[in-house]
N, C-alpha and C. Protein backbone atom coordinates (compact mmCIF):
# COMPACT_ATOMS: atom_id res chain seq x y z
N UNK A 1 -33.58 -30.60 -0.52
CA UNK A 1 -33.91 -29.34 -1.13
C UNK A 1 -34.13 -28.25 -0.08
N UNK A 2 -34.76 -28.63 1.02
CA UNK A 2 -35.00 -27.66 2.10
C UNK A 2 -33.68 -27.17 2.68
N UNK A 3 -32.72 -28.09 2.79
CA UNK A 3 -31.41 -27.71 3.32
C UNK A 3 -30.76 -26.66 2.43
N UNK A 4 -30.80 -26.85 1.13
CA UNK A 4 -30.21 -25.89 0.19
C UNK A 4 -30.90 -24.53 0.31
N UNK A 5 -32.20 -24.51 0.42
CA UNK A 5 -32.94 -23.25 0.55
C UNK A 5 -32.63 -22.57 1.88
N UNK A 6 -32.30 -23.38 2.90
CA UNK A 6 -31.98 -22.80 4.21
C UNK A 6 -30.61 -22.13 4.20
N UNK A 7 -29.63 -22.70 3.49
CA UNK A 7 -28.30 -22.10 3.49
C UNK A 7 -28.08 -21.12 2.35
N UNK A 8 -29.01 -21.02 1.44
CA UNK A 8 -28.89 -20.11 0.30
C UNK A 8 -28.65 -18.66 0.73
N UNK A 9 -29.39 -18.12 1.69
CA UNK A 9 -29.13 -16.72 2.10
C UNK A 9 -27.70 -16.52 2.63
N UNK A 10 -27.16 -17.49 3.34
CA UNK A 10 -25.81 -17.39 3.86
C UNK A 10 -24.78 -17.42 2.73
N UNK A 11 -25.01 -18.25 1.73
CA UNK A 11 -24.11 -18.31 0.59
C UNK A 11 -24.13 -17.01 -0.20
N UNK A 12 -25.31 -16.44 -0.37
CA UNK A 12 -25.42 -15.16 -1.07
C UNK A 12 -24.71 -14.07 -0.27
N UNK A 13 -24.87 -14.06 1.04
CA UNK A 13 -24.21 -13.08 1.90
C UNK A 13 -22.69 -13.19 1.80
N UNK A 14 -22.17 -14.40 1.82
CA UNK A 14 -20.73 -14.61 1.70
C UNK A 14 -20.24 -14.14 0.33
N UNK A 15 -20.97 -14.42 -0.70
CA UNK A 15 -20.60 -13.99 -2.05
C UNK A 15 -20.59 -12.47 -2.16
N UNK A 16 -21.60 -11.82 -1.61
CA UNK A 16 -21.67 -10.36 -1.62
C UNK A 16 -20.50 -9.76 -0.83
N UNK A 17 -20.19 -10.32 0.32
CA UNK A 17 -19.07 -9.83 1.14
C UNK A 17 -17.76 -9.98 0.38
N UNK A 18 -17.60 -11.06 -0.35
CA UNK A 18 -16.37 -11.26 -1.12
C UNK A 18 -16.19 -10.16 -2.15
N UNK A 19 -17.24 -9.86 -2.91
CA UNK A 19 -17.12 -8.86 -3.97
C UNK A 19 -17.09 -7.43 -3.46
N UNK A 20 -17.64 -7.15 -2.28
CA UNK A 20 -17.67 -5.79 -1.75
C UNK A 20 -16.53 -5.49 -0.79
N UNK A 21 -15.93 -6.51 -0.16
CA UNK A 21 -14.92 -6.25 0.85
C UNK A 21 -13.58 -6.91 0.55
N UNK A 22 -13.59 -8.19 0.34
CA UNK A 22 -12.33 -8.94 0.24
C UNK A 22 -11.62 -8.66 -1.07
N UNK A 23 -12.32 -8.72 -2.17
CA UNK A 23 -11.69 -8.53 -3.48
C UNK A 23 -11.09 -7.13 -3.66
N UNK A 24 -11.79 -6.04 -3.29
CA UNK A 24 -11.16 -4.72 -3.40
C UNK A 24 -9.93 -4.56 -2.49
N UNK A 25 -9.97 -5.17 -1.31
CA UNK A 25 -8.81 -5.09 -0.42
C UNK A 25 -7.61 -5.80 -1.01
N UNK A 26 -7.83 -6.94 -1.64
CA UNK A 26 -6.74 -7.66 -2.29
C UNK A 26 -6.18 -6.86 -3.46
N UNK A 27 -7.04 -6.19 -4.20
CA UNK A 27 -6.60 -5.38 -5.33
C UNK A 27 -5.76 -4.20 -4.84
N UNK A 28 -6.19 -3.54 -3.77
CA UNK A 28 -5.44 -2.42 -3.20
C UNK A 28 -4.09 -2.89 -2.69
N UNK A 29 -4.05 -4.03 -2.03
CA UNK A 29 -2.81 -4.58 -1.50
C UNK A 29 -1.83 -4.89 -2.65
N UNK A 30 -2.34 -5.38 -3.75
CA UNK A 30 -1.51 -5.68 -4.91
C UNK A 30 -0.93 -4.40 -5.51
N UNK A 31 -1.73 -3.33 -5.57
CA UNK A 31 -1.26 -2.04 -6.09
C UNK A 31 -0.15 -1.47 -5.20
N UNK A 32 -0.31 -1.55 -3.88
CA UNK A 32 0.70 -1.05 -2.95
C UNK A 32 1.99 -1.84 -3.11
N UNK A 33 1.91 -3.15 -3.21
CA UNK A 33 3.09 -3.99 -3.41
C UNK A 33 3.79 -3.63 -4.70
N UNK A 34 3.04 -3.41 -5.77
CA UNK A 34 3.61 -3.03 -7.06
C UNK A 34 4.33 -1.68 -6.96
N UNK A 35 3.73 -0.71 -6.25
CA UNK A 35 4.34 0.59 -6.07
C UNK A 35 5.65 0.47 -5.29
N UNK A 36 5.67 -0.33 -4.24
CA UNK A 36 6.88 -0.52 -3.44
C UNK A 36 7.96 -1.23 -4.24
N UNK A 37 7.58 -2.14 -5.11
CA UNK A 37 8.56 -2.85 -5.93
C UNK A 37 9.15 -1.95 -7.02
N UNK A 38 8.40 -0.93 -7.47
CA UNK A 38 8.86 -0.04 -8.52
C UNK A 38 9.56 1.20 -7.99
N UNK A 39 9.86 1.24 -6.69
CA UNK A 39 10.55 2.38 -6.09
C UNK A 39 11.95 2.52 -6.69
N UNK A 40 12.33 3.76 -7.02
CA UNK A 40 13.65 4.01 -7.60
C UNK A 40 14.30 5.20 -6.90
N UNK A 41 15.61 5.23 -6.96
CA UNK A 41 16.36 6.35 -6.40
C UNK A 41 15.96 7.61 -7.15
N UNK A 42 15.71 8.70 -6.41
CA UNK A 42 15.33 9.97 -7.01
C UNK A 42 13.83 10.20 -7.07
N UNK A 43 13.02 9.19 -6.76
CA UNK A 43 11.56 9.37 -6.74
C UNK A 43 11.17 10.33 -5.62
N UNK A 44 10.25 11.23 -5.91
CA UNK A 44 9.66 12.06 -4.86
C UNK A 44 8.52 11.26 -4.26
N UNK A 45 8.50 11.17 -2.94
CA UNK A 45 7.52 10.32 -2.27
C UNK A 45 6.82 11.06 -1.15
N UNK A 46 5.73 10.46 -0.70
CA UNK A 46 5.03 10.87 0.51
C UNK A 46 4.89 9.62 1.36
N UNK A 47 5.26 9.72 2.64
CA UNK A 47 5.12 8.57 3.53
C UNK A 47 3.72 8.56 4.14
N UNK A 48 3.40 7.48 4.83
CA UNK A 48 2.10 7.36 5.49
C UNK A 48 1.91 8.47 6.52
N UNK A 49 3.00 8.89 7.15
CA UNK A 49 2.93 9.96 8.14
C UNK A 49 2.86 11.35 7.55
N UNK A 50 2.94 11.48 6.22
CA UNK A 50 2.82 12.78 5.58
C UNK A 50 4.15 13.45 5.28
N UNK A 51 5.26 12.76 5.51
CA UNK A 51 6.59 13.32 5.23
C UNK A 51 6.84 13.31 3.73
N UNK A 52 7.26 14.44 3.18
CA UNK A 52 7.60 14.56 1.77
C UNK A 52 9.12 14.51 1.64
N UNK A 53 9.61 13.84 0.61
CA UNK A 53 11.04 13.79 0.41
C UNK A 53 11.40 13.09 -0.88
N UNK A 54 12.72 12.91 -1.07
CA UNK A 54 13.27 12.26 -2.25
C UNK A 54 14.05 11.04 -1.81
N UNK A 55 13.85 9.92 -2.49
CA UNK A 55 14.52 8.67 -2.13
C UNK A 55 16.01 8.78 -2.48
N UNK A 56 16.85 8.60 -1.46
CA UNK A 56 18.30 8.61 -1.66
C UNK A 56 18.80 7.20 -2.01
N UNK A 57 18.31 6.23 -1.25
CA UNK A 57 18.65 4.84 -1.51
C UNK A 57 17.63 3.97 -0.79
N UNK A 58 17.69 2.67 -1.06
CA UNK A 58 16.76 1.75 -0.40
C UNK A 58 17.33 0.34 -0.49
N UNK A 59 16.83 -0.50 0.39
CA UNK A 59 17.14 -1.93 0.33
C UNK A 59 15.82 -2.68 0.48
N UNK A 60 15.90 -3.94 0.82
CA UNK A 60 14.69 -4.75 0.86
C UNK A 60 13.71 -4.29 1.93
N UNK A 61 14.20 -3.80 3.07
CA UNK A 61 13.32 -3.44 4.18
C UNK A 61 13.20 -1.95 4.45
N UNK A 62 14.18 -1.17 4.06
CA UNK A 62 14.22 0.24 4.42
C UNK A 62 14.42 1.13 3.20
N UNK A 63 14.02 2.40 3.36
CA UNK A 63 14.34 3.40 2.34
C UNK A 63 14.89 4.62 3.08
N UNK A 64 15.82 5.28 2.45
CA UNK A 64 16.46 6.46 3.02
C UNK A 64 15.99 7.66 2.21
N UNK A 65 15.34 8.59 2.92
CA UNK A 65 14.65 9.70 2.26
C UNK A 65 15.28 11.02 2.69
N UNK A 66 15.65 11.85 1.69
CA UNK A 66 16.17 13.20 1.96
C UNK A 66 14.97 14.14 2.04
N UNK A 67 14.92 14.89 3.15
CA UNK A 67 13.81 15.83 3.34
C UNK A 67 14.01 17.05 2.47
N UNK A 68 12.94 17.82 2.30
CA UNK A 68 12.97 18.98 1.43
C UNK A 68 13.11 20.29 2.21
N UNK A 69 13.70 20.23 3.40
CA UNK A 69 13.92 21.47 4.16
C UNK A 69 15.34 21.97 3.92
N UNK A 70 15.72 23.03 4.62
CA UNK A 70 17.03 23.64 4.38
C UNK A 70 18.18 22.75 4.85
N UNK A 71 17.94 21.86 5.81
CA UNK A 71 19.00 20.96 6.29
C UNK A 71 19.21 19.78 5.34
N UNK A 72 18.16 19.34 4.70
CA UNK A 72 18.24 18.21 3.78
C UNK A 72 18.66 16.92 4.48
N UNK A 73 18.09 16.68 5.65
CA UNK A 73 18.45 15.47 6.40
C UNK A 73 17.99 14.21 5.67
N UNK A 74 18.73 13.13 5.89
CA UNK A 74 18.34 11.83 5.33
C UNK A 74 17.76 11.01 6.48
N UNK A 75 16.52 10.58 6.30
CA UNK A 75 15.82 9.81 7.32
C UNK A 75 15.61 8.38 6.83
N UNK A 76 15.61 7.45 7.78
CA UNK A 76 15.41 6.04 7.46
C UNK A 76 13.97 5.66 7.78
N UNK A 77 13.28 5.09 6.79
CA UNK A 77 11.90 4.64 6.96
C UNK A 77 11.79 3.17 6.58
N UNK A 78 10.85 2.47 7.20
CA UNK A 78 10.49 1.14 6.71
C UNK A 78 9.88 1.32 5.33
N UNK A 79 10.12 0.38 4.47
CA UNK A 79 9.61 0.49 3.10
C UNK A 79 8.08 0.47 3.05
N UNK A 80 7.47 -0.15 4.04
CA UNK A 80 6.00 -0.22 4.07
C UNK A 80 5.38 1.13 4.43
N UNK A 81 6.21 2.11 4.84
CA UNK A 81 5.71 3.45 5.16
C UNK A 81 5.44 4.27 3.92
N UNK A 82 5.77 3.75 2.74
CA UNK A 82 5.55 4.46 1.48
C UNK A 82 4.05 4.54 1.19
N UNK A 83 3.56 5.75 1.04
CA UNK A 83 2.14 5.93 0.71
C UNK A 83 1.94 6.23 -0.76
N UNK A 84 2.79 7.11 -1.31
CA UNK A 84 2.55 7.56 -2.67
C UNK A 84 3.86 8.00 -3.31
N UNK A 85 4.04 7.67 -4.57
CA UNK A 85 5.13 8.21 -5.37
C UNK A 85 4.56 9.38 -6.15
N UNK A 86 5.13 10.57 -5.95
CA UNK A 86 4.62 11.78 -6.59
C UNK A 86 5.16 11.84 -8.00
N UNK A 87 4.28 12.03 -8.94
CA UNK A 87 4.68 12.09 -10.37
C UNK A 87 5.08 13.50 -10.72
């Protein structure tokens, strides 16, 4: 019984850390994965670096984004650089 009482604070600490740190991070990671999987041609996006553009095409690893300037260049980004799909 003494052993259980001695490790009880550590178990409570681990449980609190799980609900405050690990679980929200897993939820956020799942949302990001879902957003990347739902990427479609023509979506307006913002990259992690702050670049705004429109998706021209994409494959499993990369996305090709047309910029919104007068040149309308198409840039190649890793798909993980996607931060937000603008509605």
